[in-house]
PDB file of N, CA and C in Angstrom:
ATOM      1  N   MET A   1     -16.650  52.210 -73.619  1.00  0.00           N
ATOM      2  CA  MET A   1     -16.899  51.374 -72.463  1.00  0.00           C
ATOM      3  C   MET A   1     -18.379  51.051 -72.304  1.00  0.00           C
ATOM      4  N   LYS A   2     -19.226  51.738 -73.039  1.00  0.00           N
ATOM      5  CA  LYS A   2     -20.658  51.472 -72.946  1.00  0.00           C
ATOM      6  C   LYS A   2     -21.021  50.100 -73.512  1.00  0.00           C
ATOM      7  N   HIS A   3     -20.175  49.564 -74.340  1.00  0.00           N
ATOM      8  CA  HIS A   3     -20.484  48.303 -74.999  1.00  0.00           C
ATOM      9  C   HIS A   3     -20.283  47.093 -74.091  1.00  0.00           C
ATOM     10  N   ILE A   4     -19.744  47.268 -72.916  1.00  0.00           N
ATOM     11  CA  ILE A   4     -19.541  46.144 -72.004  1.00  0.00           C
ATOM     12  C   ILE A   4     -20.878  45.576 -71.531  1.00  0.00           C
ATOM     13  N   GLY A   5     -21.911  46.374 -71.565  1.00  0.00           N
ATOM     14  CA  GLY A   5     -23.238  45.892 -71.186  1.00  0.00           C
ATOM     15  C   GLY A   5     -23.786  44.839 -72.138  1.00  0.00           C
ATOM     16  N   TYR A   6     -23.305  44.857 -73.383  1.00  0.00           N
ATOM     17  CA  TYR A   6     -23.740  43.842 -74.337  1.00  0.00           C
ATOM     18  C   TYR A   6     -23.252  42.450 -73.949  1.00  0.00           C
ATOM     19  N   LEU A   7     -22.240  42.379 -73.111  1.00  0.00           N
ATOM     20  CA  LEU A   7     -21.757  41.080 -72.632  1.00  0.00           C
ATOM     21  C   LEU A   7     -22.835  40.365 -71.823  1.00  0.00           C
ATOM     22  N   ALA A   8     -23.753  41.100 -71.263  1.00  0.00           N
ATOM     23  CA  ALA A   8     -24.842  40.496 -70.485  1.00  0.00           C
ATOM     24  C   ALA A   8     -25.835  39.760 -71.378  1.00  0.00           C
ATOM     25  N   ILE A   9     -25.838  40.046 -72.653  1.00  0.00           N
ATOM     26  CA  ILE A   9     -26.753  39.368 -73.577  1.00  0.00           C
ATOM     27  C   ILE A   9     -26.269  37.959 -73.909  1.00  0.00           C
ATOM     28  N   VAL A  10     -24.966  37.746 -73.897  1.00  0.00           N
ATOM     29  CA  VAL A  10     -24.401  36.447 -74.272  1.00  0.00           C
ATOM     30  C   VAL A  10     -24.930  35.306 -73.398  1.00  0.00           C
ATOM     31  N   PRO A  11     -24.937  35.416 -72.063  1.00  0.00           N
ATOM     32  CA  PRO A  11     -25.483  34.309 -71.266  1.00  0.00           C
ATOM     33  C   PRO A  11     -26.967  34.054 -71.514  1.00  0.00           C
ATOM     34  N   ILE A  12     -27.717  35.107 -71.753  1.00  0.00           N
ATOM     35  CA  ILE A  12     -29.142  34.927 -72.026  1.00  0.00           C
ATOM     36  C   ILE A  12     -29.334  34.129 -73.303  1.00  0.00           C
ATOM     37  N   LEU A  13     -28.565  34.469 -74.322  1.00  0.00           N
ATOM     38  CA  LEU A  13     -28.658  33.727 -75.575  1.00  0.00           C
ATOM     39  C   LEU A  13     -28.212  32.275 -75.390  1.00  0.00           C
ATOM     40  N   GLY A  14     -27.177  32.068 -74.612  1.00  0.00           N
ATOM     41  CA  GLY A  14     -26.702  30.710 -74.374  1.00  0.00           C
ATOM     42  C   GLY A  14     -27.707  29.858 -73.637  1.00  0.00           C
ATOM     43  N   LEU A  15     -28.365  30.440 -72.658  1.00  0.00           N
ATOM     44  CA  LEU A  15     -29.347  29.688 -71.887  1.00  0.00           C
ATOM     45  C   LEU A  15     -30.641  29.451 -72.662  1.00  0.00           C
ATOM     46  N   LEU A  16     -31.051  30.408 -73.467  1.00  0.00           N
ATOM     47  CA  LEU A  16     -32.325  30.285 -74.167  1.00  0.00           C
ATOM     48  C   LEU A  16     -32.218  29.590 -75.526  1.00  0.00           C
ATOM     49  N   LEU A  17     -31.175  29.889 -76.281  1.00  0.00           N
ATOM     50  CA  LEU A  17     -31.070  29.339 -77.625  1.00  0.00           C
ATOM     51  C   LEU A  17     -30.353  27.994 -77.668  1.00  0.00           C
ATOM     52  N   GLY A  18     -29.498  27.727 -76.725  1.00  0.00           N
ATOM     53  CA  GLY A  18     -28.757  26.465 -76.705  1.00  0.00           C
ATOM     54  C   GLY A  18     -29.640  25.242 -76.646  1.00  0.00           C
ATOM     55  N   PRO A  19     -30.592  25.179 -75.734  1.00  0.00           N
ATOM     56  CA  PRO A  19     -31.474  24.009 -75.682  1.00  0.00           C
ATOM     57  C   PRO A  19     -32.334  23.829 -76.934  1.00  0.00           C
ATOM     58  N   VAL A  20     -32.681  24.908 -77.596  1.00  0.00           N
ATOM     59  CA  VAL A  20     -33.477  24.802 -78.820  1.00  0.00           C
ATOM     60  C   VAL A  20     -32.642  24.171 -79.931  1.00  0.00           C
ATOM     61  N   ILE A  21     -31.398  24.577 -80.013  1.00  0.00           N
ATOM     62  CA  ILE A  21     -30.517  24.078 -81.063  1.00  0.00           C
ATOM     63  C   ILE A  21     -30.048  22.652 -80.773  1.00  0.00           C
ATOM     64  N   HIS A  22     -29.705  22.358 -79.533  1.00  0.00           N
ATOM     65  CA  HIS A  22     -29.118  21.072 -79.166  1.00  0.00           C
ATOM     66  C   HIS A  22     -30.046  20.275 -78.257  1.00  0.00           C
ATOM     67  N   ASN A  23     -31.278  20.115 -78.619  1.00  0.00           N
ATOM     68  CA  ASN A  23     -32.225  19.389 -77.788  1.00  0.00           C
ATOM     69  C   ASN A  23     -32.014  17.894 -77.996  1.00  0.00           C
ATOM     70  N   SER A  24     -31.108  17.320 -77.197  1.00  0.00           N
ATOM     71  CA  SER A  24     -30.765  15.905 -77.314  1.00  0.00           C
ATOM     72  C   SER A  24     -30.408  15.366 -75.938  1.00  0.00           C
ATOM     73  N   SER A  25     -30.737  14.114 -75.687  1.00  0.00           N
ATOM     74  CA  SER A  25     -30.414  13.531 -74.389  1.00  0.00           C
ATOM     75  C   SER A  25     -29.344  12.455 -74.492  1.00  0.00           C
ATOM     76  N   THR A  26     -28.907  12.106 -75.687  1.00  0.00           N
ATOM     77  CA  THR A  26     -27.941  11.020 -75.820  1.00  0.00           C
ATOM     78  C   THR A  26     -26.511  11.411 -75.484  1.00  0.00           C
ATOM     79  N   PRO A  27     -25.962  12.537 -75.921  1.00  0.00           N
ATOM     80  CA  PRO A  27     -24.600  12.857 -75.484  1.00  0.00           C
ATOM     81  C   PRO A  27     -24.602  13.291 -74.012  1.00  0.00           C
ATOM     82  N   PHE A  28     -23.472  13.100 -73.360  1.00  0.00           N
ATOM     83  CA  PHE A  28     -23.363  13.438 -71.939  1.00  0.00           C
ATOM     84  C   PHE A  28     -22.256  14.458 -71.724  1.00  0.00           C
ATOM     85  N   ILE A  29     -22.488  15.352 -70.770  1.00  0.00           N
ATOM     86  CA  ILE A  29     -21.487  16.323 -70.332  1.00  0.00           C
ATOM     87  C   ILE A  29     -21.284  16.089 -68.847  1.00  0.00           C
ATOM     88  N   LEU A  30     -20.081  15.695 -68.472  1.00  0.00           N
ATOM     89  CA  LEU A  30     -19.748  15.412 -67.073  1.00  0.00           C
ATOM     90  C   LEU A  30     -20.713  14.404 -66.453  1.00  0.00           C
ATOM     91  N   GLY A  31     -21.159  13.430 -67.233  1.00  0.00           N
ATOM     92  CA  GLY A  31     -22.050  12.398 -66.743  1.00  0.00           C
ATOM     93  C   GLY A  31     -23.509  12.787 -66.687  1.00  0.00           C
ATOM     94  N   MET A  32     -23.828  13.984 -67.103  1.00  0.00           N
ATOM     95  CA  MET A  32     -25.219  14.451 -67.103  1.00  0.00           C
ATOM     96  C   MET A  32     -25.741  14.454 -68.535  1.00  0.00           C
ATOM     97  N   PRO A  33     -27.053  14.327 -68.713  1.00  0.00           N
ATOM     98  CA  PRO A  33     -27.592  14.503 -70.063  1.00  0.00           C
ATOM     99  C   PRO A  33     -27.195  15.868 -70.622  1.00  0.00           C
ATOM    100  N   PHE A  34     -27.124  15.958 -71.919  1.00  0.00           N
ATOM    101  CA  PHE A  34     -26.589  17.152 -72.568  1.00  0.00           C
ATOM    102  C   PHE A  34     -27.285  18.430 -72.118  1.00  0.00           C
ATOM    103  N   LEU A  35     -28.598  18.421 -72.070  1.00  0.00           N
ATOM    104  CA  LEU A  35     -29.333  19.644 -71.724  1.00  0.00           C
ATOM    105  C   LEU A  35     -29.032  20.100 -70.301  1.00  0.00           C
ATOM    106  N   LEU A  36     -28.972  19.175 -69.359  1.00  0.00           N
ATOM    107  CA  LEU A  36     -28.648  19.539 -67.982  1.00  0.00           C
ATOM    108  C   LEU A  36     -27.210  20.036 -67.868  1.00  0.00           C
ATOM    109  N   GLY A  37     -26.295  19.355 -68.539  1.00  0.00           N
ATOM    110  CA  GLY A  37     -24.902  19.798 -68.544  1.00  0.00           C
ATOM    111  C   GLY A  37     -24.739  21.166 -69.168  1.00  0.00           C
ATOM    112  N   TRP A  38     -25.485  21.430 -70.237  1.00  0.00           N
ATOM    113  CA  TRP A  38     -25.457  22.739 -70.902  1.00  0.00           C
ATOM    114  C   TRP A  38     -25.882  23.842 -69.934  1.00  0.00           C
ATOM    115  N   MET A  39     -26.957  23.595 -69.201  1.00  0.00           N
ATOM    116  CA  MET A  39     -27.463  24.589 -68.253  1.00  0.00           C
ATOM    117  C   MET A  39     -26.471  24.831 -67.111  1.00  0.00           C
ATOM    118  N   VAL A  40     -25.860  23.777 -66.609  1.00  0.00           N
ATOM    119  CA  VAL A  40     -24.887  23.922 -65.523  1.00  0.00           C
ATOM    120  C   VAL A  40     -23.689  24.740 -65.986  1.00  0.00           C
ATOM    121  N   ILE A  41     -23.199  24.456 -67.176  1.00  0.00           N
ATOM    122  CA  ILE A  41     -22.055  25.212 -67.711  1.00  0.00           C
ATOM    123  C   ILE A  41     -22.415  26.685 -67.869  1.00  0.00           C
ATOM    124  N   TRP A  42     -23.617  26.974 -68.345  1.00  0.00           N
ATOM    125  CA  TRP A  42     -24.004  28.363 -68.547  1.00  0.00           C
ATOM    126  C   TRP A  42     -24.260  29.100 -67.237  1.00  0.00           C
ATOM    127  N   VAL A  43     -24.657  28.402 -66.202  1.00  0.00           N
ATOM    128  CA  VAL A  43     -24.794  29.058 -64.896  1.00  0.00           C
ATOM    129  C   VAL A  43     -23.433  29.556 -64.433  1.00  0.00           C
ATOM    130  N   VAL A  44     -22.401  28.751 -64.635  1.00  0.00           N
ATOM    131  CA  VAL A  44     -21.035  29.171 -64.274  1.00  0.00           C
ATOM    132  C   VAL A  44     -20.585  30.316 -65.177  1.00  0.00           C
ATOM    133  N   LEU A  45     -20.859  30.227 -66.467  1.00  0.00           N
ATOM    134  CA  LEU A  45     -20.448  31.287 -67.395  1.00  0.00           C
ATOM    135  C   LEU A  45     -21.168  32.608 -67.135  1.00  0.00           C
ATOM    136  N   VAL A  46     -22.406  32.550 -66.671  1.00  0.00           N
ATOM    137  CA  VAL A  46     -23.127  33.775 -66.303  1.00  0.00           C
ATOM    138  C   VAL A  46     -22.402  34.473 -65.161  1.00  0.00           C
ATOM    139  N   SER A  47     -21.951  33.706 -64.181  1.00  0.00           N
ATOM    140  CA  SER A  47     -21.215  34.299 -63.063  1.00  0.00           C
ATOM    141  C   SER A  47     -19.923  34.954 -63.537  1.00  0.00           C
ATOM    142  N   VAL A  48     -19.227  34.298 -64.433  1.00  0.00           N
ATOM    143  CA  VAL A  48     -17.984  34.862 -64.975  1.00  0.00           C
ATOM    144  C   VAL A  48     -18.274  36.137 -65.763  1.00  0.00           C
ATOM    145  N   ALA A  49     -19.307  36.118 -66.583  1.00  0.00           N
ATOM    146  CA  ALA A  49     -19.647  37.301 -67.386  1.00  0.00           C
ATOM    147  C   ALA A  49     -20.032  38.477 -66.491  1.00  0.00           C
ATOM    148  N   MET A  50     -20.801  38.220 -65.449  1.00  0.00           N
ATOM    149  CA  MET A  50     -21.200  39.308 -64.544  1.00  0.00           C
ATOM    150  C   MET A  50     -20.000  39.848 -63.762  1.00  0.00           C
ATOM    151  N   ALA A  51     -19.045  38.993 -63.417  1.00  0.00           N
ATOM    152  CA  ALA A  51     -17.834  39.452 -62.738  1.00  0.00           C
ATOM    153  C   ALA A  51     -17.000  40.345 -63.657  1.00  0.00           C
ATOM    154  N   VAL A  52     -16.931  39.989 -64.933  1.00  0.00           N
ATOM    155  CA  VAL A  52     -16.194  40.810 -65.902  1.00  0.00           C
ATOM    156  C   VAL A  52     -16.892  42.159 -66.086  1.00  0.00           C
ATOM    157  N   ILE A  53     -18.205  42.145 -66.204  1.00  0.00           N
ATOM    158  CA  ILE A  53     -18.952  43.401 -66.340  1.00  0.00           C
ATOM    159  C   ILE A  53     -18.736  44.283 -65.120  1.00  0.00           C
ATOM    160  N   TYR A  54     -18.779  43.704 -63.935  1.00  0.00           N
ATOM    161  CA  TYR A  54     -18.559  44.479 -62.708  1.00  0.00           C
ATOM    162  C   TYR A  54     -17.147  45.057 -62.671  1.00  0.00           C
ATOM    163  N   ALA A  55     -16.167  44.250 -63.042  1.00  0.00           N
ATOM    164  CA  ALA A  55     -14.772  44.716 -62.987  1.00  0.00           C
ATOM    165  C   ALA A  55     -14.507  45.840 -63.985  1.00  0.00           C
ATOM    166  N   LEU A  56     -15.168  45.821 -65.130  1.00  0.00           N
ATOM    167  CA  LEU A  56     -14.914  46.819 -66.163  1.00  0.00           C
ATOM    168  C   LEU A  56     -15.885  47.998 -66.123  1.00  0.00           C
ATOM    169  N   ASP A  57     -16.821  47.995 -65.208  1.00  0.00           N
ATOM    170  CA  ASP A  57     -17.823  49.061 -65.142  1.00  0.00           C
ATOM    171  C   ASP A  57     -17.193  50.339 -64.596  1.00  0.00           C
ATOM    172  N   PRO A  58     -17.133  51.393 -65.397  1.00  0.00           N
ATOM    173  CA  PRO A  58     -16.514  52.631 -64.916  1.00  0.00           C
ATOM    174  C   PRO A  58     -17.375  53.357 -63.878  1.00  0.00           C
ATOM    175  N   ALA A  59     -18.651  53.065 -63.806  1.00  0.00           N
ATOM    176  CA  ALA A  59     -19.528  53.757 -62.865  1.00  0.00           C
ATOM    177  C   ALA A  59     -19.286  53.318 -61.421  1.00  0.00           C
ATOM    178  N   ARG A  60     -18.684  52.156 -61.211  1.00  0.00           N
ATOM    179  CA  ARG A  60     -18.467  51.691 -59.840  1.00  0.00           C
ATOM    180  C   ARG A  60     -17.246  52.342 -59.197  1.00  0.00           C
ATOM    181  N   VAL A  61     -16.382  52.961 -59.989  1.00  0.00           N
ATOM    182  CA  VAL A  61     -15.194  53.637 -59.472  1.00  0.00           C
ATOM    183  C   VAL A  61     -15.531  55.105 -59.290  1.00  0.00           C
ATOM    184  N   THR A  62     -15.353  55.587 -58.081  1.00  0.00           N
ATOM    185  CA  THR A  62     -15.663  56.989 -57.809  1.00  0.00           C
ATOM    186  C   THR A  62     -14.450  57.684 -57.209  1.00  0.00           C
ATOM    187  N   THR A  63     -14.318  58.957 -57.502  1.00  0.00           N
ATOM    188  CA  THR A  63     -13.229  59.758 -56.928  1.00  0.00           C
ATOM    189  C   THR A  63     -13.771  60.762 -55.932  1.00  0.00           C
ATOM    190  N   ASP A  64     -15.071  60.730 -55.678  1.00  0.00           N
ATOM    191  CA  ASP A  64     -15.702  61.667 -54.763  1.00  0.00           C
ATOM    192  C   ASP A  64     -15.428  61.206 -53.329  1.00  0.00           C
ATOM    193  N   PRO A  65     -14.737  62.028 -52.507  1.00  0.00           N
ATOM    194  CA  PRO A  65     -14.418  61.595 -51.141  1.00  0.00           C
ATOM    195  C   PRO A  65     -15.645  61.480 -50.224  1.00  0.00           C
ATOM    196  N   GLU A  66     -16.738  62.122 -50.591  1.00  0.00           N
ATOM    197  CA  GLU A  66     -17.944  62.034 -49.772  1.00  0.00           C
ATOM    198  C   GLU A  66     -18.684  60.718 -49.955  1.00  0.00           C
ATOM    199  N   HIS A  67     -18.420  60.049 -51.054  1.00  0.00           N
ATOM    200  CA  HIS A  67     -19.080  58.778 -51.352  1.00  0.00           C
ATOM    201  C   HIS A  67     -18.022  57.694 -51.589  1.00  0.00           C
ATOM    202  N   PRO A  68     -17.459  57.162 -50.528  1.00  0.00           N
ATOM    203  CA  PRO A  68     -16.411  56.127 -50.724  1.00  0.00           C
ATOM    204  C   PRO A  68     -17.014  54.834 -51.261  1.00  0.00           C
ATOM    205  N   ARG A  69     -16.146  54.063 -51.889  1.00  0.00           N
ATOM    206  CA  ARG A  69     -16.578  52.740 -52.394  1.00  0.00           C
ATOM    207  C   ARG A  69     -16.906  51.842 -51.234  1.00  0.00           C
ATOM    208  N   ARG A  70     -17.883  51.008 -51.435  1.00  0.00           N
ATOM    209  CA  ARG A  70     -18.266  50.067 -50.377  1.00  0.00           C
ATOM    210  C   ARG A  70     -17.712  48.718 -50.651  1.00  0.00           C
TER     211      ARG A  70
END
């Protein structure tokens, strides 16, 4: 389960390496230039990735009655 933290690297790579590889303004994504559309899509994907990491994180589940989940 320790490897779930590596999922946090994927959005960083998508946001940083994507514009370097696909630096073009001619294709459009949802009516936006490619680079802007790429960034918008990755902002949504970052939220999804962080939700998955939170859901699978074993440290957030506690069985100690003195420290209930918030």
